[in-house]
Amino acid sequence: EEQFVESGGGLVQVGGSLRLSCAVTGFTFDDDAIGWFRQAPGKEREGVSCITTRDGSTYVADSVKGRFTISSDKAKKMVYLQMNSLKPEDTAVYHCTADIGICSSGSISPLTFSSWGQGTQVTVSS
């Protein structure tokens, strides 16, 4: 059974940092694409970052490039999103998800993934 449990969200001031964690079950981490998405109220779900476990290659959205870093730990079946220099526009519910395959180099679409966690709220105050 595919399951994703996100944690690490919270309230932070502009310029602060948070590290999100996602516990993944149902995937081997041998040949998977694991992604982080976010959804703000009234907006569509947006792809933030993705890691291909086969070779560690990553995709990072332009809106967070240079500030967010995705990583994974195969032994622990965990995926992380280190978020630095946070901005008010980063406020959203952050979800992780996975599917067999590789991350697209251009962008990631929520339509590619079928299972989702409940998400963790990130609020950046100005």
Foldseek 3Di string as FASTA:
>chain_A
DWAKDKDWADEAAAQAKIKMKIAIPDDQLQAKKKFKWWDDPPDDIFTAKIAGSNVGDMEGDPVQPPFWDWDADNVRNMIMIIGGRDDQVVWTFMKMFMDGHGADRPGDDPVVGDDIYPTDTHGYHD
